[in-house]
């Protein structure tokens, strides 16, 4: 089932489906750069179609700050926290 709002536009649904297919092809072909590009484009389309959900986006500031500071311990703490927040967001968006 598509997330709320996405199914209302056949064009948006088709664009998202195409991006998912591109990401899967890249994943299967072990092309991480293309996978990430497709994934980012997917989310850009998704949030553009649902502007009321922009506030739910998860920030990358904590992991980025740790990487920039060269603080491996902080980066190791920041990523699981970031992923946990992302899981909560995805569960809320797609259930």
N, C-alpha and C. Protein backbone atom coordinates (compact mmCIF):
# COMPACT_ATOMS: atom_id res chain seq x y z
N UNK A 1 0.86 -1.17 0.00
CA UNK A 1 0.00 0.00 0.00
C UNK A 1 0.90 1.24 0.00
N UNK A 2 0.62 2.21 -0.86
CA UNK A 2 1.44 3.43 -0.86
C UNK A 2 1.17 4.26 0.37
N UNK A 3 2.12 5.10 0.76
CA UNK A 3 1.90 5.99 1.89
C UNK A 3 0.74 6.91 1.61
N UNK A 4 0.10 7.44 2.65
CA UNK A 4 -1.02 8.36 2.45
C UNK A 4 -0.63 9.51 1.55
N UNK A 5 -1.48 9.84 0.61
CA UNK A 5 -1.23 10.96 -0.28
C UNK A 5 -0.53 10.59 -1.56
N UNK A 6 0.38 9.62 -1.51
CA UNK A 6 1.16 9.27 -2.70
C UNK A 6 0.27 8.61 -3.74
N UNK A 7 -0.64 7.76 -3.32
CA UNK A 7 -1.50 7.05 -4.26
C UNK A 7 -2.48 7.94 -4.99
N UNK A 8 -2.65 9.18 -4.53
CA UNK A 8 -3.60 10.08 -5.17
C UNK A 8 -3.12 10.56 -6.52
N UNK A 9 -1.83 10.50 -6.77
CA UNK A 9 -1.27 10.98 -8.03
C UNK A 9 -0.62 9.83 -8.77
N UNK A 10 -1.23 9.36 -9.84
CA UNK A 10 -0.61 8.28 -10.61
C UNK A 10 0.78 8.67 -11.13
N UNK A 11 0.97 9.94 -11.46
CA UNK A 11 2.27 10.38 -11.95
C UNK A 11 3.34 10.26 -10.86
N UNK A 12 3.02 10.71 -9.65
CA UNK A 12 3.99 10.61 -8.55
C UNK A 12 4.26 9.15 -8.22
N UNK A 13 3.22 8.35 -8.18
CA UNK A 13 3.40 6.92 -7.90
C UNK A 13 4.29 6.27 -8.94
N UNK A 14 4.10 6.61 -10.20
CA UNK A 14 4.93 6.05 -11.28
C UNK A 14 6.38 6.51 -11.14
N UNK A 15 6.59 7.79 -10.79
CA UNK A 15 7.95 8.30 -10.60
C UNK A 15 8.64 7.59 -9.44
N UNK A 16 7.91 7.41 -8.35
CA UNK A 16 8.49 6.72 -7.20
C UNK A 16 8.82 5.27 -7.53
N UNK A 17 7.92 4.61 -8.24
CA UNK A 17 8.15 3.22 -8.64
C UNK A 17 9.41 3.11 -9.50
N UNK A 18 9.58 4.05 -10.45
CA UNK A 18 10.76 4.04 -11.32
C UNK A 18 12.04 4.25 -10.50
N UNK A 19 11.99 5.15 -9.53
CA UNK A 19 13.16 5.40 -8.70
C UNK A 19 13.51 4.18 -7.83
N UNK A 20 12.50 3.51 -7.33
CA UNK A 20 12.75 2.29 -6.55
C UNK A 20 13.39 1.23 -7.45
N UNK A 21 12.89 1.09 -8.67
CA UNK A 21 13.47 0.12 -9.59
C UNK A 21 14.93 0.46 -9.92
N UNK A 22 15.23 1.75 -10.13
CA UNK A 22 16.61 2.17 -10.39
C UNK A 22 17.50 1.87 -9.19
N UNK A 23 17.00 2.15 -8.00
CA UNK A 23 17.77 1.88 -6.79
C UNK A 23 18.04 0.38 -6.63
N UNK A 24 17.03 -0.43 -6.92
CA UNK A 24 17.21 -1.89 -6.81
C UNK A 24 18.22 -2.40 -7.83
N UNK A 25 18.15 -1.89 -9.06
CA UNK A 25 19.14 -2.29 -10.07
C UNK A 25 20.55 -1.91 -9.61
N UNK A 26 20.70 -0.73 -9.04
CA UNK A 26 22.01 -0.29 -8.57
C UNK A 26 22.48 -1.14 -7.40
N UNK A 27 21.55 -1.47 -6.50
CA UNK A 27 21.91 -2.30 -5.34
C UNK A 27 22.36 -3.67 -5.80
N UNK A 28 21.60 -4.26 -6.71
CA UNK A 28 21.95 -5.59 -7.22
C UNK A 28 23.24 -5.57 -8.03
N UNK A 29 23.52 -4.45 -8.68
CA UNK A 29 24.74 -4.30 -9.46
C UNK A 29 25.91 -3.77 -8.66
N UNK A 30 25.73 -3.66 -7.35
CA UNK A 30 26.78 -3.17 -6.45
C UNK A 30 27.30 -1.80 -6.88
N UNK A 31 26.37 -0.89 -7.17
CA UNK A 31 26.72 0.48 -7.54
C UNK A 31 26.20 1.42 -6.46
N UNK A 32 26.96 1.59 -5.37
CA UNK A 32 26.44 2.37 -4.24
C UNK A 32 26.16 3.83 -4.59
N UNK A 33 26.94 4.42 -5.48
CA UNK A 33 26.69 5.82 -5.83
C UNK A 33 25.33 5.97 -6.51
N UNK A 34 25.03 5.11 -7.47
CA UNK A 34 23.74 5.18 -8.15
C UNK A 34 22.59 4.84 -7.21
N UNK A 35 22.83 3.88 -6.30
CA UNK A 35 21.80 3.54 -5.33
C UNK A 35 21.46 4.76 -4.48
N UNK A 36 22.48 5.45 -3.96
CA UNK A 36 22.23 6.62 -3.12
C UNK A 36 21.57 7.75 -3.89
N UNK A 37 21.99 7.96 -5.13
CA UNK A 37 21.35 8.99 -5.94
C UNK A 37 19.87 8.69 -6.16
N UNK A 38 19.56 7.44 -6.47
CA UNK A 38 18.16 7.05 -6.68
C UNK A 38 17.37 7.17 -5.38
N UNK A 39 17.98 6.78 -4.27
CA UNK A 39 17.31 6.85 -2.98
C UNK A 39 17.02 8.31 -2.62
N UNK A 40 17.99 9.18 -2.80
CA UNK A 40 17.78 10.61 -2.51
C UNK A 40 16.70 11.20 -3.40
N UNK A 41 16.71 10.82 -4.65
CA UNK A 41 15.69 11.32 -5.58
C UNK A 41 14.30 10.81 -5.18
N UNK A 42 14.23 9.56 -4.72
CA UNK A 42 12.97 9.01 -4.23
C UNK A 42 12.39 9.89 -3.13
N UNK A 43 13.23 10.20 -2.11
CA UNK A 43 12.76 10.99 -0.98
C UNK A 43 12.43 12.41 -1.41
N UNK A 44 13.17 12.97 -2.35
CA UNK A 44 12.85 14.32 -2.84
C UNK A 44 11.45 14.33 -3.45
N UNK A 45 11.16 13.33 -4.29
CA UNK A 45 9.83 13.23 -4.90
C UNK A 45 8.77 13.01 -3.82
N UNK A 46 9.05 12.11 -2.88
CA UNK A 46 8.08 11.78 -1.84
C UNK A 46 7.70 13.01 -1.04
N UNK A 47 8.70 13.74 -0.53
CA UNK A 47 8.39 14.89 0.30
C UNK A 47 7.84 16.06 -0.50
N UNK A 48 8.20 16.16 -1.77
CA UNK A 48 7.61 17.20 -2.61
C UNK A 48 6.11 16.94 -2.79
N UNK A 49 5.73 15.68 -2.89
CA UNK A 49 4.33 15.31 -3.06
C UNK A 49 3.53 15.47 -1.76
N UNK A 50 4.25 15.53 -0.63
CA UNK A 50 3.59 15.61 0.67
C UNK A 50 4.25 16.69 1.53
N UNK A 51 4.06 17.94 1.17
CA UNK A 51 4.75 19.02 1.89
C UNK A 51 4.41 19.09 3.39
N UNK A 52 3.27 18.58 3.79
CA UNK A 52 2.91 18.60 5.20
C UNK A 52 3.79 17.68 6.03
N UNK A 53 4.57 16.83 5.40
CA UNK A 53 5.43 15.89 6.12
C UNK A 53 6.88 16.36 6.23
N UNK A 54 7.21 17.52 5.71
CA UNK A 54 8.58 18.02 5.76
C UNK A 54 9.14 18.05 7.18
N UNK A 55 8.32 18.43 8.14
CA UNK A 55 8.78 18.54 9.53
C UNK A 55 9.19 17.19 10.10
N UNK A 56 8.78 16.09 9.47
CA UNK A 56 9.11 14.77 10.00
C UNK A 56 10.47 14.27 9.52
N UNK A 57 11.13 15.00 8.63
CA UNK A 57 12.43 14.55 8.12
C UNK A 57 13.44 14.44 9.26
N UNK A 58 14.34 13.47 9.15
CA UNK A 58 15.35 13.22 10.16
C UNK A 58 16.64 13.96 9.77
N UNK A 59 17.20 14.68 10.72
CA UNK A 59 18.42 15.47 10.49
C UNK A 59 19.66 14.58 10.44
N UNK A 60 20.62 15.01 9.64
CA UNK A 60 21.92 14.34 9.56
C UNK A 60 23.00 15.15 10.28
N UNK A 61 22.61 16.19 10.99
CA UNK A 61 23.60 17.09 11.60
C UNK A 61 24.50 16.41 12.63
N UNK A 62 23.96 15.58 13.51
CA UNK A 62 24.79 14.94 14.53
C UNK A 62 25.84 14.00 13.93
N UNK A 63 25.45 13.08 13.04
CA UNK A 63 26.49 12.24 12.43
C UNK A 63 27.52 13.05 11.64
N UNK A 64 27.06 14.06 10.92
CA UNK A 64 27.98 14.88 10.13
C UNK A 64 28.96 15.64 11.03
N UNK A 65 28.47 16.20 12.12
CA UNK A 65 29.34 16.93 13.05
C UNK A 65 30.42 16.01 13.61
N UNK A 66 30.04 14.79 13.94
CA UNK A 66 31.02 13.84 14.49
C UNK A 66 32.08 13.48 13.45
N UNK A 67 31.65 13.26 12.22
CA UNK A 67 32.60 12.93 11.14
C UNK A 67 33.52 14.11 10.89
N UNK A 68 32.96 15.30 10.79
CA UNK A 68 33.78 16.50 10.55
C UNK A 68 34.80 16.72 11.67
N UNK A 69 34.41 16.41 12.90
CA UNK A 69 35.31 16.60 14.04
C UNK A 69 36.34 15.48 14.14
N UNK A 70 36.17 14.44 13.33
CA UNK A 70 37.08 13.30 13.41
C UNK A 70 36.89 12.49 14.68
N UNK A 71 35.73 12.59 15.28
CA UNK A 71 35.42 11.91 16.54
C UNK A 71 34.72 10.58 16.25
N UNK A 72 35.51 9.52 16.16
CA UNK A 72 34.96 8.20 15.82
C UNK A 72 33.94 7.72 16.85
N UNK A 73 34.21 7.96 18.13
CA UNK A 73 33.27 7.51 19.17
C UNK A 73 31.92 8.22 19.03
N UNK A 74 31.97 9.53 18.80
CA UNK A 74 30.71 10.28 18.62
C UNK A 74 29.98 9.81 17.37
N UNK A 75 30.72 9.54 16.30
CA UNK A 75 30.10 9.05 15.07
C UNK A 75 29.44 7.69 15.29
N UNK A 76 30.12 6.82 16.04
CA UNK A 76 29.55 5.50 16.33
C UNK A 76 28.29 5.60 17.19
N UNK A 77 28.22 6.61 18.03
CA UNK A 77 27.00 6.83 18.83
C UNK A 77 25.91 7.50 18.00
N UNK A 78 26.31 8.44 17.14
CA UNK A 78 25.33 9.22 16.38
C UNK A 78 24.60 8.37 15.34
N UNK A 79 25.29 7.46 14.68
CA UNK A 79 24.65 6.70 13.61
C UNK A 79 23.52 5.79 14.11
N UNK A 80 23.72 5.01 15.17
CA UNK A 80 22.58 4.20 15.65
C UNK A 80 21.39 5.06 16.08
N UNK A 81 21.68 6.21 16.69
CA UNK A 81 20.59 7.11 17.08
C UNK A 81 19.87 7.64 15.85
N UNK A 82 20.64 8.01 14.82
CA UNK A 82 20.05 8.49 13.57
C UNK A 82 19.20 7.39 12.93
N UNK A 83 19.73 6.19 12.88
CA UNK A 83 18.99 5.07 12.27
C UNK A 83 17.72 4.75 13.06
N UNK A 84 17.80 4.83 14.38
CA UNK A 84 16.60 4.58 15.20
C UNK A 84 15.53 5.61 14.91
N UNK A 85 15.92 6.90 14.80
CA UNK A 85 14.94 7.95 14.47
C UNK A 85 14.37 7.71 13.06
N UNK A 86 15.23 7.26 12.16
CA UNK A 86 14.77 6.98 10.79
C UNK A 86 13.76 5.85 10.77
N UNK A 87 14.01 4.81 11.55
CA UNK A 87 13.06 3.68 11.63
C UNK A 87 11.70 4.15 12.14
N UNK A 88 11.72 4.98 13.17
CA UNK A 88 10.46 5.51 13.72
C UNK A 88 9.72 6.29 12.65
N UNK A 89 10.45 7.14 11.91
CA UNK A 89 9.84 7.92 10.83
C UNK A 89 9.24 7.00 9.77
N UNK A 90 10.01 6.03 9.32
CA UNK A 90 9.52 5.13 8.27
C UNK A 90 8.30 4.35 8.73
N UNK A 91 8.33 3.89 9.97
CA UNK A 91 7.16 3.19 10.51
C UNK A 91 5.94 4.08 10.50
N UNK A 92 6.12 5.34 10.89
CA UNK A 92 4.99 6.29 10.92
C UNK A 92 4.49 6.62 9.52
N UNK A 93 5.41 6.77 8.57
CA UNK A 93 5.02 7.16 7.22
C UNK A 93 4.33 6.04 6.45
N UNK A 94 4.74 4.80 6.68
CA UNK A 94 4.29 3.72 5.82
C UNK A 94 3.40 2.71 6.50
N UNK A 95 2.87 3.02 7.64
CA UNK A 95 1.91 2.10 8.29
C UNK A 95 0.55 2.69 8.29
